[in-house]
């Protein structure tokens, strides 16, 4: 997920903006900063801190400074979490799901834990298992909670999991079990 997409999702969740409006507001703020939407994360976060508050205030967002600060902080944290060695697939998925929805960290982790449990897994599931659960089961948990396009949200997160280089000691739990049992 690009910093632009991540920031747009956070901005949409924090305001009454549609997806299109959130992306447009971000583009205007970035243009004012002279930063392209494909810029690196650090430049992107700095541009958001500097120019997004003014853009949000001009559109009637009362807490423009707080929203801008939260979006910029989330972008910066995404950089840190994605680069940090040892981040688990569960933590990675929870972070992305929180960014894509209006749920709190606790709510997102609870939804993921319950869904994994329903699949006979736990939070230590490997990336492949978690991606399957995200694609097959999590959309059914998000739809009744009012998330728009839950399948698309979960597909994006599952794709991010597929692309992320997780710590090699954290593999697919099923493969680990068969390996310990002497199977292939």
Protein backbone atom coordinates (compact mmCIF):
# COMPACT_ATOMS: atom_id res chain seq x y z
CA UNK A 1 0.00 0.00 0.00
CA UNK A 2 1.42 3.36 -0.98
CA UNK A 3 1.68 6.21 1.55
CA UNK A 4 -0.89 8.12 -0.53
CA UNK A 5 -3.45 5.28 -0.40
CA UNK A 6 -2.79 4.75 3.29
CA UNK A 7 -3.19 8.47 4.08
CA UNK A 8 -6.36 8.70 1.96
CA UNK A 9 -7.93 5.81 3.89
CA UNK A 10 -7.01 7.41 7.22
CA UNK A 11 -8.36 10.79 6.12
CA UNK A 12 -11.60 9.24 4.89
CA UNK A 13 -12.04 7.39 8.21
CA UNK A 14 -11.38 10.57 10.25
CA UNK A 15 -13.72 12.84 8.29
CA UNK A 16 -17.01 12.78 6.43
CA UNK A 17 -15.15 12.78 3.10
CA UNK A 18 -15.87 10.19 0.47
CA UNK A 19 -12.93 8.20 -0.89
CA UNK A 20 -12.73 10.52 -3.88
CA UNK A 21 -12.88 13.67 -1.72
CA UNK A 22 -10.16 12.40 0.63
CA UNK A 23 -7.87 11.63 -2.29
CA UNK A 24 -8.57 15.03 -3.85
CA UNK A 25 -7.83 16.91 -0.61
CA UNK A 26 -4.56 15.03 -0.27
CA UNK A 27 -3.56 15.82 -3.85
CA UNK A 28 -4.26 19.55 -3.32
CA UNK A 29 -2.23 19.59 -0.08
CA UNK A 30 0.65 17.74 -1.70
CA UNK A 31 0.60 20.03 -4.72
CA UNK A 32 0.83 23.04 -2.38
CA UNK A 33 3.89 21.42 -0.80
CA UNK A 34 5.43 20.68 -4.19
CA UNK A 35 5.40 16.96 -3.42
CA UNK A 36 4.20 14.29 -5.81
CA UNK A 37 1.75 11.68 -4.48
CA UNK A 38 4.35 9.01 -5.21
CA UNK A 39 7.01 10.73 -3.04
CA UNK A 40 8.83 8.89 -0.30
CA UNK A 41 7.13 8.42 3.04
CA UNK A 42 9.20 10.95 4.96
CA UNK A 43 8.58 13.74 2.44
CA UNK A 44 4.96 12.72 2.25
CA UNK A 45 4.45 12.89 6.04
CA UNK A 46 6.25 16.24 6.25
CA UNK A 47 4.04 17.68 3.50
CA UNK A 48 0.93 16.47 5.31
CA UNK A 49 2.03 18.11 8.56
CA UNK A 50 2.68 21.39 6.83
CA UNK A 51 -0.14 21.75 4.29
CA UNK A 52 -3.02 19.43 5.18
CA UNK A 53 -4.31 21.43 8.20
CA UNK A 54 -4.96 24.50 6.05
CA UNK A 55 -6.65 22.42 3.35
CA UNK A 56 -8.92 20.68 5.87
CA UNK A 57 -9.80 23.93 7.63
CA UNK A 58 -10.82 25.47 4.30
CA UNK A 59 -13.27 22.58 3.90
CA UNK A 60 -14.88 23.12 7.30
CA UNK A 61 -13.13 20.39 9.29
CA UNK A 62 -13.11 21.78 12.85
CA UNK A 63 -10.26 19.67 14.18
CA UNK A 64 -8.10 20.12 11.08
CA UNK A 65 -4.82 20.25 13.02
CA UNK A 66 -5.57 17.09 15.00
CA UNK A 67 -6.78 15.17 11.95
CA UNK A 68 -3.72 16.24 9.93
CA UNK A 69 -1.38 15.30 12.76
CA UNK A 70 -3.06 11.89 13.16
CA UNK A 71 -2.89 11.13 9.44
CA UNK A 72 0.77 12.20 9.20
CA UNK A 73 1.63 10.21 12.34
CA UNK A 74 -0.13 7.13 10.92
CA UNK A 75 1.85 7.43 7.69
CA UNK A 76 5.10 7.74 9.65
CA UNK A 77 4.14 4.82 11.91
CA UNK A 78 3.27 2.70 8.89
CA UNK A 79 6.81 3.28 7.69
CA UNK A 80 8.22 2.25 11.05
CA UNK A 81 6.05 -0.84 11.44
CA UNK A 82 6.63 -2.03 7.89
CA UNK A 83 10.40 -1.63 8.26
CA UNK A 84 10.66 -3.08 11.76
CA UNK A 85 12.07 -6.60 11.83
CA UNK A 86 9.95 -9.10 13.69
CA UNK A 87 6.54 -7.55 12.92
CA UNK A 88 4.05 -10.40 12.85
CA UNK A 89 1.51 -11.00 10.10
CA UNK A 90 -1.26 -10.51 12.69
CA UNK A 91 0.08 -7.11 13.78
CA UNK A 92 0.63 -6.11 10.16
CA UNK A 93 -2.96 -7.06 9.20
CA UNK A 94 -4.42 -5.36 12.27
CA UNK A 95 -2.54 -2.16 11.48
CA UNK A 96 -3.75 -2.13 7.88
CA UNK A 97 -7.33 -2.97 8.86
CA UNK A 98 -7.37 -0.17 11.42
CA UNK A 99 -6.07 2.25 8.78
CA UNK A 100 -8.78 1.18 6.33
CA UNK A 101 -11.69 1.40 8.76
CA UNK A 102 -12.96 3.61 11.57
CA UNK A 103 -12.34 0.87 14.15
CA UNK A 104 -10.00 1.28 17.10
CA UNK A 105 -6.88 -0.83 17.50
CA UNK A 106 -8.65 -2.97 20.10
CA UNK A 107 -11.70 -3.53 17.88
CA UNK A 108 -9.61 -4.52 14.87
CA UNK A 109 -7.51 -6.96 16.86
CA UNK A 110 -10.68 -8.46 18.36
CA UNK A 111 -12.29 -8.93 14.94
CA UNK A 112 -9.15 -10.61 13.62
CA UNK A 113 -8.78 -12.86 16.68
CA UNK A 114 -12.41 -14.00 16.51
CA UNK A 115 -12.18 -14.68 12.80
CA UNK A 116 -8.92 -16.60 13.18
CA UNK A 117 -10.43 -18.61 16.03
CA UNK A 118 -13.43 -19.49 13.82
CA UNK A 119 -10.92 -20.82 11.28
CA UNK A 120 -9.18 -22.92 13.94
CA UNK A 121 -6.16 -20.60 14.10
CA UNK A 122 -4.76 -18.03 16.50
CA UNK A 123 -2.80 -14.78 16.30
CA UNK A 124 0.40 -16.67 15.48
CA UNK A 125 -0.96 -17.73 12.08
CA UNK A 126 1.48 -17.42 9.22
CA UNK A 127 1.15 -14.90 6.42
CA UNK A 128 -0.41 -17.33 3.93
CA UNK A 129 -3.02 -18.48 6.45
CA UNK A 130 -3.84 -14.95 7.49
CA UNK A 131 -4.17 -13.85 3.86
CA UNK A 132 -6.68 -16.65 3.24
CA UNK A 133 -8.67 -15.74 6.35
CA UNK A 134 -8.69 -12.10 5.25
CA UNK A 135 -9.95 -13.01 1.81
CA UNK A 136 -12.54 -15.60 2.86
CA UNK A 137 -13.81 -14.79 6.37
CA UNK A 138 -13.04 -11.25 7.48
CA UNK A 139 -15.27 -9.55 4.85
CA UNK A 140 -18.22 -11.37 6.42
CA UNK A 141 -17.31 -9.86 9.78
CA UNK A 142 -16.85 -6.35 8.41
CA UNK A 143 -20.01 -6.06 6.31
CA UNK A 144 -22.45 -6.16 9.27
CA UNK A 145 -20.27 -3.57 11.02
CA UNK A 146 -20.88 -1.05 8.23
CA UNK A 147 -17.58 -1.24 6.35
CA UNK A 148 -18.03 -0.29 2.71
CA UNK A 149 -16.53 -2.73 0.20
CA UNK A 150 -15.19 -5.14 2.84
CA UNK A 151 -14.00 -7.59 0.20
CA UNK A 152 -11.87 -4.95 -1.50
CA UNK A 153 -10.48 -3.74 1.85
CA UNK A 154 -9.52 -7.27 2.85
CA UNK A 155 -8.09 -8.10 -0.58
CA UNK A 156 -5.80 -5.05 -0.38
CA UNK A 157 -4.58 -6.10 3.06
CA UNK A 158 -4.09 -9.72 1.98
CA UNK A 159 -2.10 -8.52 -1.03
CA UNK A 160 0.06 -6.37 1.28
CA UNK A 161 0.68 -9.42 3.44
CA UNK A 162 1.67 -11.44 0.38
CA UNK A 163 4.15 -8.71 -0.59
CA UNK A 164 5.62 -8.09 2.87
CA UNK A 165 8.91 -9.77 3.85
CA UNK A 166 8.10 -11.19 7.27
CA UNK A 167 10.67 -12.54 9.69
CA UNK A 168 11.69 -15.95 8.29
CA UNK A 169 11.27 -17.61 11.70
CA UNK A 170 7.54 -16.91 11.47
CA UNK A 171 6.27 -19.28 8.83
CA UNK A 172 3.04 -20.91 7.95
CA UNK A 173 1.87 -22.71 11.11
CA UNK A 174 0.49 -25.64 9.11
CA UNK A 175 3.84 -26.19 7.39
CA UNK A 176 5.61 -25.98 10.76
CA UNK A 177 3.28 -28.58 12.29
CA UNK A 178 3.80 -31.04 9.42
CA UNK A 179 7.55 -30.46 9.55
CA UNK A 180 7.61 -31.28 13.27
CA UNK A 181 5.55 -34.41 12.61
CA UNK A 182 8.02 -35.51 9.94
CA UNK A 183 5.75 -34.88 6.95
CA UNK A 184 6.18 -32.58 4.01
